[in-house]
Amino acid sequence: MSVLGVLVCEVLELEFAHLLATDREIARVTVVEDLRSARLLDALRRETCTDLVTIPRLDDFSRESGPGIEVLVQVQDLALHVRPKGLQEGLTAAASCMGPLVDVLFLGYGLCGNVLEKPEELLADAGVPIVIPMDEDHPVDDCVGMIIGGRQAYFGEQCKIAGTYFMTPGWTFHWKRIFDKECGDISLDLARELFTHYKRSLLISTPIMPIEEMEQNAAEFNQMFDCQSEVREGTSRILDDAWILAKQRVAGTGSG
C-alpha cells in the first residue's frame, strides 16, 4: 500500500480522529500509541474506525502489501509550542524519522507563528512531499485559523473584540496546559495578569464536540479570567481540502 504519514498536534486530535474514522478510502490506520495519542485513539475507537492498528514505536511500523492507502499517525506534544525553535526542532526530528516509512507527509499544523512558513525547506530531510493545510496561497495561520475558516474570519473576530481567547474543541480541553511545568509553566497570578484585557472566549463549534461540552470545558476559564463565552460555527473545509490533496499525492507516488 501507499503510505500517508501524519504528524499532528494534540490540539487537533479529535478533528483527525473524525477524519480518519470517516474516510472510507483509507484501508488501514496505524497510530503510535503513547500518552499523546490517547485521546485520538479513544475517539477513533468510539467512531468504530475499522482496521485500526497501534504500535509502541515508530520503528515498529511495517508497510502492508497490496493496493490502497494506509495512514501512519504520530501525535506531537503540545509543549513543542513553548518555543518556536523547539517546535521547529521537534517537527524536523519527527519528520526525519517518519519520512523513510511513508510516501507523503501531512502536517496537522499551521504557520504557528511563522515557524512553518516554508515547510518543504524546513522538513527537506524527510525526503518526501510535504502537505500542510492552506489558506488560499499561504499555510493556514494555526489550528484556530484552520477551524474558523481562514485569516479573514480570524481577523474579523479579533476586530470585533480585541480581547478574545479563541477556543477550538481541542483548546477547550487543553487550555489548562498553560499551567503545566513542561508546557506553559505560568503561575495563576501571572496568567491573570496576562489575561487582564481578555473579555470573551470564542467557542468555535464543530460536529466533533457538542457545544454543551465545549461550554462546560470553558466554564472554569471564563470564571478564572472573567470572560464571557460566545459561539461561532467552525468549518472543516481547510482541513478537508488539504487531506484530499495529500491523498492525491500519495496515489500519484505509485507505491504499494
C-alpha atoms as a PDB file:
ATOM      1  CA  MET A   1       0.000   0.000   0.000  1.00  0.00           C
ATOM      2  CA  SER A   2       0.953   3.627  -0.389  1.00  0.00           C
ATOM      3  CA  VAL A   3       1.538   5.294   2.981  1.00  0.00           C
ATOM      4  CA  LEU A   4       0.413   8.748   4.059  1.00  0.00           C
ATOM      5  CA  GLY A   5       2.264   9.886   7.175  1.00  0.00           C
ATOM      6  CA  VAL A   6       0.610  12.297   9.617  1.00  0.00           C
ATOM      7  CA  LEU A   7       2.295  14.453  12.248  1.00  0.00           C
ATOM      8  CA  VAL A   8      -0.414  16.221  14.220  1.00  0.00           C
ATOM      9  CA  CYS A   9      -0.535  18.445  17.295  1.00  0.00           C
ATOM     10  CA  GLU A  10      -2.507  17.164  20.295  1.00  0.00           C
ATOM     11  CA  VAL A  11      -4.920  20.080  19.977  1.00  0.00           C
ATOM     12  CA  LEU A  12      -6.231  18.707  16.665  1.00  0.00           C
ATOM     13  CA  GLU A  13      -6.549  15.096  17.824  1.00  0.00           C
ATOM     14  CA  LEU A  14     -10.356  14.979  17.602  1.00  0.00           C
ATOM     15  CA  GLU A  15     -10.506  16.557  14.140  1.00  0.00           C
ATOM     16  CA  PHE A  16      -8.054  13.968  12.820  1.00  0.00           C
ATOM     17  CA  ALA A  17      -9.794  11.094  14.574  1.00  0.00           C
ATOM     18  CA  HIS A  18     -13.038  12.049  12.840  1.00  0.00           C
ATOM     19  CA  LEU A  19     -11.270  12.492   9.508  1.00  0.00           C
ATOM     20  CA  LEU A  20      -9.630   9.085   9.687  1.00  0.00           C
ATOM     21  CA  ALA A  21     -12.664   7.220  11.022  1.00  0.00           C
ATOM     22  CA  THR A  22     -14.999   8.513   8.319  1.00  0.00           C
ATOM     23  CA  ASP A  23     -12.690   8.234   5.299  1.00  0.00           C
ATOM     24  CA  ARG A  24     -13.680   5.014   3.553  1.00  0.00           C
ATOM     25  CA  GLU A  25     -10.779   5.303   1.113  1.00  0.00           C
ATOM     26  CA  ILE A  26      -8.284   4.501   3.871  1.00  0.00           C
ATOM     27  CA  ALA A  27      -7.500   0.809   4.122  1.00  0.00           C
ATOM     28  CA  ARG A  28      -5.608   0.873   7.431  1.00  0.00           C
ATOM     29  CA  VAL A  29      -4.749   3.378  10.161  1.00  0.00           C
ATOM     30  CA  THR A  30      -1.669   2.819  12.316  1.00  0.00           C
ATOM     31  CA  VAL A  31      -1.123   5.052  15.361  1.00  0.00           C
ATOM     32  CA  VAL A  32       1.975   5.282  17.536  1.00  0.00           C
ATOM     33  CA  GLU A  33       0.428   4.621  20.956  1.00  0.00           C
ATOM     34  CA  ASP A  34       1.655   6.803  23.808  1.00  0.00           C
ATOM     35  CA  LEU A  35       0.296   9.382  26.247  1.00  0.00           C
ATOM     36  CA  ARG A  36      -0.005  11.989  23.482  1.00  0.00           C
ATOM     37  CA  SER A  37      -2.152   9.784  21.256  1.00  0.00           C
ATOM     38  CA  ALA A  38      -4.506   8.522  23.980  1.00  0.00           C
ATOM     39  CA  ARG A  39      -7.428  10.837  23.207  1.00  0.00           C
ATOM     40  CA  LEU A  40      -7.076  10.364  19.445  1.00  0.00           C
ATOM     41  CA  LEU A  41      -7.207   6.592  19.901  1.00  0.00           C
ATOM     42  CA  ASP A  42     -10.199   6.841  22.220  1.00  0.00           C
ATOM     43  CA  ALA A  43     -12.012   8.935  19.606  1.00  0.00           C
ATOM     44  CA  LEU A  44     -11.106   6.522  16.794  1.00  0.00           C
ATOM     45  CA  ARG A  45     -12.474   3.608  18.792  1.00  0.00           C
ATOM     46  CA  ARG A  46     -15.674   5.483  19.641  1.00  0.00           C
ATOM     47  CA  GLU A  47     -16.188   6.176  15.947  1.00  0.00           C
ATOM     48  CA  THR A  48     -15.504   2.486  15.241  1.00  0.00           C
ATOM     49  CA  CYS A  49     -12.551   3.133  12.967  1.00  0.00           C
ATOM     50  CA  THR A  50     -12.027  -0.084  11.026  1.00  0.00           C
ATOM     51  CA  ASP A  51      -8.589  -1.637  10.535  1.00  0.00           C
ATOM     52  CA  LEU A  52      -7.021   0.349  13.382  1.00  0.00           C
ATOM     53  CA  VAL A  53      -3.556  -0.782  14.443  1.00  0.00           C
ATOM     54  CA  THR A  54      -1.420   0.546  17.301  1.00  0.00           C
ATOM     55  CA  ILE A  55       2.354   0.269  17.633  1.00  0.00           C
ATOM     56  CA  PRO A  56       4.551   1.221  20.594  1.00  0.00           C
ATOM     57  CA  ARG A  57       7.240   2.894  18.481  1.00  0.00           C
ATOM     58  CA  LEU A  58       7.528   4.379  15.014  1.00  0.00           C
ATOM     59  CA  ASP A  59      10.237   1.817  14.194  1.00  0.00           C
ATOM     60  CA  ASP A  60       7.670  -0.953  14.603  1.00  0.00           C
ATOM     61  CA  PHE A  61       5.698   0.173  11.562  1.00  0.00           C
ATOM     62  CA  SER A  62       5.539  -2.258   8.661  1.00  0.00           C
ATOM     63  CA  ARG A  63       4.020  -1.323   5.324  1.00  0.00           C
ATOM     64  CA  GLU A  64       1.164  -3.541   4.166  1.00  0.00           C
ATOM     65  CA  SER A  65       1.356  -5.026   0.693  1.00  0.00           C
ATOM     66  CA  GLY A  66      -1.380  -4.588  -1.873  1.00  0.00           C
ATOM     67  CA  PRO A  67      -3.380  -1.692  -3.303  1.00  0.00           C
ATOM     68  CA  GLY A  68      -4.843   1.228  -1.387  1.00  0.00           C
ATOM     69  CA  ILE A  69      -3.720   3.871   1.075  1.00  0.00           C
ATOM     70  CA  GLU A  70      -2.740   3.367   4.685  1.00  0.00           C
ATOM     71  CA  VAL A  71      -2.103   6.134   7.192  1.00  0.00           C
ATOM     72  CA  LEU A  72       0.644   6.274   9.813  1.00  0.00           C
ATOM     73  CA  VAL A  73      -0.053   8.766  12.626  1.00  0.00           C
ATOM     74  CA  GLN A  74       2.176  10.198  15.320  1.00  0.00           C
ATOM     75  CA  VAL A  75       0.724  12.789  17.709  1.00  0.00           C
ATOM     76  CA  GLN A  76       3.115  15.568  18.719  1.00  0.00           C
ATOM     77  CA  ASP A  77       3.321  17.141  22.167  1.00  0.00           C
ATOM     78  CA  LEU A  78       1.519  20.455  22.596  1.00  0.00           C
ATOM     79  CA  ALA A  79       4.524  21.583  24.667  1.00  0.00           C
ATOM     80  CA  LEU A  80       6.559  21.954  21.456  1.00  0.00           C
ATOM     81  CA  HIS A  81       4.798  25.316  21.018  1.00  0.00           C
ATOM     82  CA  VAL A  82       6.519  26.795  24.082  1.00  0.00           C
ATOM     83  CA  ARG A  83       9.467  27.938  21.945  1.00  0.00           C
ATOM     84  CA  PRO A  84       9.335  28.491  18.170  1.00  0.00           C
ATOM     85  CA  LYS A  85      12.764  26.886  17.868  1.00  0.00           C
ATOM     86  CA  GLY A  86      11.526  23.925  19.887  1.00  0.00           C
ATOM     87  CA  LEU A  87       8.603  23.398  17.514  1.00  0.00           C
ATOM     88  CA  GLN A  88      10.912  23.581  14.505  1.00  0.00           C
ATOM     89  CA  GLU A  89      13.378  21.145  16.008  1.00  0.00           C
ATOM     90  CA  GLY A  90      10.664  18.764  17.203  1.00  0.00           C
ATOM     91  CA  LEU A  91       8.899  18.591  13.852  1.00  0.00           C
ATOM     92  CA  THR A  92      12.178  18.340  11.933  1.00  0.00           C
ATOM     93  CA  ALA A  93      13.234  15.373  14.051  1.00  0.00           C
ATOM     94  CA  ALA A  94       9.815  13.712  13.799  1.00  0.00           C
ATOM     95  CA  ALA A  95       9.651  14.204  10.027  1.00  0.00           C
ATOM     96  CA  SER A  96      13.157  12.793   9.562  1.00  0.00           C
ATOM     97  CA  CYS A  97      12.138   9.650  11.453  1.00  0.00           C
ATOM     98  CA  MET A  98       8.817   9.217   9.663  1.00  0.00           C
ATOM     99  CA  GLY A  99       9.986  10.185   6.160  1.00  0.00           C
ATOM    100  CA  PRO A 100      11.650   6.842   5.265  1.00  0.00           C
ATOM    101  CA  LEU A 101       8.457   4.982   6.189  1.00  0.00           C
ATOM    102  CA  VAL A 102       5.949   6.988   4.128  1.00  0.00           C
ATOM    103  CA  ASP A 103       5.361   8.344   0.629  1.00  0.00           C
ATOM    104  CA  VAL A 104       3.837  11.719   1.579  1.00  0.00           C
ATOM    105  CA  LEU A 105       3.883  13.589   4.898  1.00  0.00           C
ATOM    106  CA  PHE A 106       0.833  15.531   6.107  1.00  0.00           C
ATOM    107  CA  LEU A 107       1.266  18.169   8.812  1.00  0.00           C
ATOM    108  CA  GLY A 108      -1.585  18.813  11.229  1.00  0.00           C
ATOM    109  CA  TYR A 109      -0.268  22.313  11.852  1.00  0.00           C
ATOM    110  CA  GLY A 110      -0.414  25.846  10.501  1.00  0.00           C
ATOM    111  CA  LEU A 111       2.191  28.585  10.365  1.00  0.00           C
ATOM    112  CA  CYS A 112       2.221  28.638  14.189  1.00  0.00           C
ATOM    113  CA  GLY A 113       3.979  31.995  14.461  1.00  0.00           C
ATOM    114  CA  ASN A 114       5.689  31.561  11.067  1.00  0.00           C
ATOM    115  CA  VAL A 115       7.583  28.523  12.346  1.00  0.00           C
ATOM    116  CA  LEU A 116       6.305  26.531   9.354  1.00  0.00           C
ATOM    117  CA  GLU A 117       6.403  29.292   6.767  1.00  0.00           C
ATOM    118  CA  LYS A 118       8.417  27.097   4.368  1.00  0.00           C
ATOM    119  CA  PRO A 119       7.623  23.515   5.403  1.00  0.00           C
ATOM    120  CA  GLU A 120       9.161  21.889   2.321  1.00  0.00           C
ATOM    121  CA  GLU A 121      12.509  23.525   3.129  1.00  0.00           C
ATOM    122  CA  LEU A 122      12.318  23.016   6.877  1.00  0.00           C
ATOM    123  CA  LEU A 123      11.481  19.312   6.557  1.00  0.00           C
ATOM    124  CA  ALA A 124      13.581  18.570   3.464  1.00  0.00           C
ATOM    125  CA  ASP A 125      15.424  15.791   5.297  1.00  0.00           C
ATOM    126  CA  ALA A 126      12.199  13.788   5.380  1.00  0.00           C
ATOM    127  CA  GLY A 127      12.771  13.118   1.693  1.00  0.00           C
ATOM    128  CA  VAL A 128       9.060  13.037   0.763  1.00  0.00           C
ATOM    129  CA  PRO A 129       6.483  15.617  -0.392  1.00  0.00           C
ATOM    130  CA  ILE A 130       5.020  17.734   2.418  1.00  0.00           C
ATOM    131  CA  VAL A 131       1.356  18.783   2.598  1.00  0.00           C
ATOM    132  CA  ILE A 132       0.152  21.449   5.032  1.00  0.00           C
ATOM    133  CA  PRO A 133      -3.366  22.940   5.271  1.00  0.00           C
ATOM    134  CA  MET A 134      -3.539  26.066   3.124  1.00  0.00           C
ATOM    135  CA  ASP A 135      -5.482  29.311   3.452  1.00  0.00           C
ATOM    136  CA  GLU A 136      -5.610  30.460  -0.170  1.00  0.00           C
ATOM    137  CA  ASP A 137      -1.926  30.996  -1.165  1.00  0.00           C
ATOM    138  CA  HIS A 138      -0.285  30.508   2.239  1.00  0.00           C
ATOM    139  CA  PRO A 139      -0.332  27.923   5.023  1.00  0.00           C
ATOM    140  CA  VAL A 140      -3.182  28.486   7.458  1.00  0.00           C
ATOM    141  CA  ASP A 141      -2.120  30.608  10.443  1.00  0.00           C
ATOM    142  CA  ASP A 142      -2.638  27.978  13.141  1.00  0.00           C
ATOM    143  CA  CYS A 143      -5.172  25.468  14.453  1.00  0.00           C
ATOM    144  CA  VAL A 144      -7.655  28.254  15.224  1.00  0.00           C
ATOM    145  CA  GLY A 145      -7.351  29.656  11.706  1.00  0.00           C
ATOM    146  CA  MET A 146      -7.851  26.158  10.351  1.00  0.00           C
ATOM    147  CA  ILE A 147     -11.135  25.617  12.222  1.00  0.00           C
ATOM    148  CA  ILE A 148     -12.516  29.148  11.994  1.00  0.00           C
ATOM    149  CA  GLY A 149     -12.132  29.190   8.209  1.00  0.00           C
ATOM    150  CA  GLY A 150      -9.004  31.206   7.498  1.00  0.00           C
ATOM    151  CA  ARG A 151      -7.272  34.506   8.154  1.00  0.00           C
ATOM    152  CA  GLN A 152     -10.132  36.762   7.135  1.00  0.00           C
ATOM    153  CA  ALA A 153     -12.578  35.163   9.568  1.00  0.00           C
ATOM    154  CA  TYR A 154      -9.891  35.068  12.275  1.00  0.00           C
ATOM    155  CA  PHE A 155      -9.068  38.772  11.865  1.00  0.00           C
ATOM    156  CA  GLY A 156     -12.735  39.728  11.704  1.00  0.00           C
ATOM    157  CA  GLU A 157     -13.386  38.266  15.143  1.00  0.00           C
ATOM    158  CA  GLN A 158     -10.297  39.969  16.550  1.00  0.00           C
ATOM    159  CA  CYS A 159     -11.583  43.283  15.242  1.00  0.00           C
ATOM    160  CA  LYS A 160     -14.943  42.755  16.964  1.00  0.00           C
ATOM    161  CA  ILE A 161     -13.357  42.255  20.380  1.00  0.00           C
ATOM    162  CA  ALA A 162      -9.580  42.545  20.629  1.00  0.00           C
ATOM    163  CA  GLY A 163      -9.539  40.701  23.970  1.00  0.00           C
ATOM    164  CA  THR A 164     -10.729  37.389  22.533  1.00  0.00           C
ATOM    165  CA  TYR A 165      -9.384  33.973  23.506  1.00  0.00           C
ATOM    166  CA  PHE A 166     -10.174  31.584  20.671  1.00  0.00           C
ATOM    167  CA  MET A 167     -11.198  28.068  21.652  1.00  0.00           C
ATOM    168  CA  THR A 168     -11.491  25.186  19.232  1.00  0.00           C
ATOM    169  CA  PRO A 169     -12.808  21.902  20.677  1.00  0.00           C
ATOM    170  CA  GLY A 170      -9.242  20.861  21.416  1.00  0.00           C
ATOM    171  CA  TRP A 171      -8.382  24.106  23.168  1.00  0.00           C
ATOM    172  CA  THR A 172     -11.407  23.843  25.465  1.00  0.00           C
ATOM    173  CA  PHE A 173      -9.851  20.615  26.732  1.00  0.00           C
ATOM    174  CA  HIS A 174      -6.153  21.567  26.688  1.00  0.00           C
ATOM    175  CA  TRP A 175      -6.184  25.193  27.865  1.00  0.00           C
ATOM    176  CA  LYS A 176      -5.088  24.242  31.389  1.00  0.00           C
ATOM    177  CA  ARG A 177      -1.779  23.075  29.939  1.00  0.00           C
ATOM    178  CA  ILE A 178      -0.569  26.696  30.143  1.00  0.00           C
ATOM    179  CA  PHE A 179      -0.009  25.991  33.856  1.00  0.00           C
ATOM    180  CA  ASP A 180       1.977  22.764  33.317  1.00  0.00           C
ATOM    181  CA  LYS A 181       5.691  22.943  34.008  1.00  0.00           C
ATOM    182  CA  GLU A 182       6.652  21.309  30.709  1.00  0.00           C
ATOM    183  CA  CYS A 183       4.259  23.415  28.661  1.00  0.00           C
ATOM    184  CA  GLY A 184       3.393  26.983  29.677  1.00  0.00           C
ATOM    185  CA  ASP A 185       4.688  26.893  33.266  1.00  0.00           C
ATOM    186  CA  ILE A 186       2.666  30.011  34.070  1.00  0.00           C
ATOM    187  CA  SER A 187       1.527  30.750  37.619  1.00  0.00           C
ATOM    188  CA  LEU A 188      -2.106  31.599  38.248  1.00  0.00           C
ATOM    189  CA  ASP A 189      -1.191  35.168  39.247  1.00  0.00           C
ATOM    190  CA  LEU A 190       0.830  35.684  36.071  1.00  0.00           C
ATOM    191  CA  ALA A 191      -1.931  34.142  33.967  1.00  0.00           C
ATOM    192  CA  ARG A 192      -4.474  36.527  35.444  1.00  0.00           C
ATOM    193  CA  GLU A 193      -2.152  39.416  34.649  1.00  0.00           C
ATOM    194  CA  LEU A 194      -1.643  38.215  31.074  1.00  0.00           C
ATOM    195  CA  PHE A 195      -5.377  37.792  30.545  1.00  0.00           C
ATOM    196  CA  THR A 196      -6.372  41.110  32.137  1.00  0.00           C
ATOM    197  CA  HIS A 197      -7.626  42.570  28.855  1.00  0.00           C
ATOM    198  CA  TYR A 198      -9.416  39.446  27.625  1.00  0.00           C
ATOM    199  CA  LYS A 199     -13.195  39.872  27.638  1.00  0.00           C
ATOM    200  CA  ARG A 200     -14.554  36.801  25.848  1.00  0.00           C
ATOM    201  CA  SER A 201     -13.807  33.227  24.973  1.00  0.00           C
ATOM    202  CA  LEU A 202     -14.967  32.486  21.435  1.00  0.00           C
ATOM    203  CA  LEU A 203     -16.007  28.846  21.117  1.00  0.00           C
ATOM    204  CA  ILE A 204     -15.556  27.665  17.543  1.00  0.00           C
ATOM    205  CA  SER A 205     -18.042  24.826  17.308  1.00  0.00           C
ATOM    206  CA  THR A 206     -17.759  21.813  15.024  1.00  0.00           C
ATOM    207  CA  PRO A 207     -19.585  18.459  14.913  1.00  0.00           C
ATOM    208  CA  ILE A 208     -16.715  16.683  16.681  1.00  0.00           C
ATOM    209  CA  MET A 209     -17.720  18.070  20.108  1.00  0.00           C
ATOM    210  CA  PRO A 210     -21.169  19.105  21.361  1.00  0.00           C
ATOM    211  CA  ILE A 211     -21.353  22.796  22.173  1.00  0.00           C
ATOM    212  CA  GLU A 212     -22.590  21.856  25.669  1.00  0.00           C
ATOM    213  CA  GLU A 213     -19.309  20.021  26.278  1.00  0.00           C
ATOM    214  CA  MET A 214     -17.288  22.951  24.944  1.00  0.00           C
ATOM    215  CA  GLU A 215     -19.148  25.337  27.240  1.00  0.00           C
ATOM    216  CA  GLN A 216     -18.569  23.047  30.204  1.00  0.00           C
ATOM    217  CA  ASN A 217     -14.846  22.783  29.380  1.00  0.00           C
ATOM    218  CA  ALA A 218     -14.548  26.577  29.077  1.00  0.00           C
ATOM    219  CA  ALA A 219     -16.525  27.429  32.220  1.00  0.00           C
ATOM    220  CA  GLU A 220     -13.515  27.402  34.545  1.00  0.00           C
ATOM    221  CA  PHE A 221     -11.515  29.550  32.112  1.00  0.00           C
ATOM    222  CA  ASN A 222     -14.329  32.105  31.971  1.00  0.00           C
ATOM    223  CA  GLN A 223     -14.633  32.205  35.742  1.00  0.00           C
ATOM    224  CA  MET A 224     -10.880  32.428  36.268  1.00  0.00           C
ATOM    225  CA  PHE A 225     -10.349  35.269  33.794  1.00  0.00           C
ATOM    226  CA  ASP A 226     -13.743  36.980  33.968  1.00  0.00           C
ATOM    227  CA  CYS A 227     -14.678  36.240  30.357  1.00  0.00           C
ATOM    228  CA  GLN A 228     -17.999  35.608  28.648  1.00  0.00           C
ATOM    229  CA  SER A 229     -18.410  32.867  26.076  1.00  0.00           C
ATOM    230  CA  GLU A 230     -19.729  33.424  22.587  1.00  0.00           C
ATOM    231  CA  VAL A 231     -20.133  30.778  19.904  1.00  0.00           C
ATOM    232  CA  ARG A 232     -19.171  30.834  16.245  1.00  0.00           C
ATOM    233  CA  GLU A 233     -19.666  27.944  13.852  1.00  0.00           C
ATOM    234  CA  GLY A 234     -16.440  26.455  12.576  1.00  0.00           C
ATOM    235  CA  THR A 235     -15.634  24.589   9.383  1.00  0.00           C
ATOM    236  CA  SER A 236     -13.605  21.575   8.280  1.00  0.00           C
ATOM    237  CA  ARG A 237     -13.127  22.975   4.747  1.00  0.00           C
ATOM    238  CA  ILE A 238      -9.424  23.860   5.020  1.00  0.00           C
ATOM    239  CA  LEU A 239      -8.512  20.545   6.621  1.00  0.00           C
ATOM    240  CA  ASP A 240     -10.670  18.540   4.199  1.00  0.00           C
ATOM    241  CA  ASP A 241      -9.136  20.253   1.153  1.00  0.00           C
ATOM    242  CA  ALA A 242      -5.604  19.561   2.389  1.00  0.00           C
ATOM    243  CA  TRP A 243      -6.486  15.941   3.128  1.00  0.00           C
ATOM    244  CA  ILE A 244      -7.831  15.415  -0.376  1.00  0.00           C
ATOM    245  CA  LEU A 245      -4.640  16.895  -1.836  1.00  0.00           C
ATOM    246  CA  ALA A 246      -2.479  14.655   0.365  1.00  0.00           C
ATOM    247  CA  LYS A 247      -4.325  11.537  -0.788  1.00  0.00           C
ATOM    248  CA  GLN A 248      -3.986  12.597  -4.406  1.00  0.00           C
ATOM    249  CA  ARG A 249      -0.239  12.977  -3.973  1.00  0.00           C
ATOM    250  CA  VAL A 250       0.017   9.608  -2.267  1.00  0.00           C
ATOM    251  CA  ALA A 251      -1.936   7.984  -5.078  1.00  0.00           C
ATOM    252  CA  GLY A 252       0.465   9.605  -7.544  1.00  0.00           C
ATOM    253  CA  THR A 253       3.537   8.058  -5.925  1.00  0.00           C
ATOM    254  CA  GLY A 254       2.706   4.628  -7.342  1.00  0.00           C
ATOM    255  CA  SER A 255       3.887   2.866  -4.172  1.00  0.00           C
ATOM    256  CA  GLY A 256       2.252  -0.248  -2.851  1.00  0.00           C
END
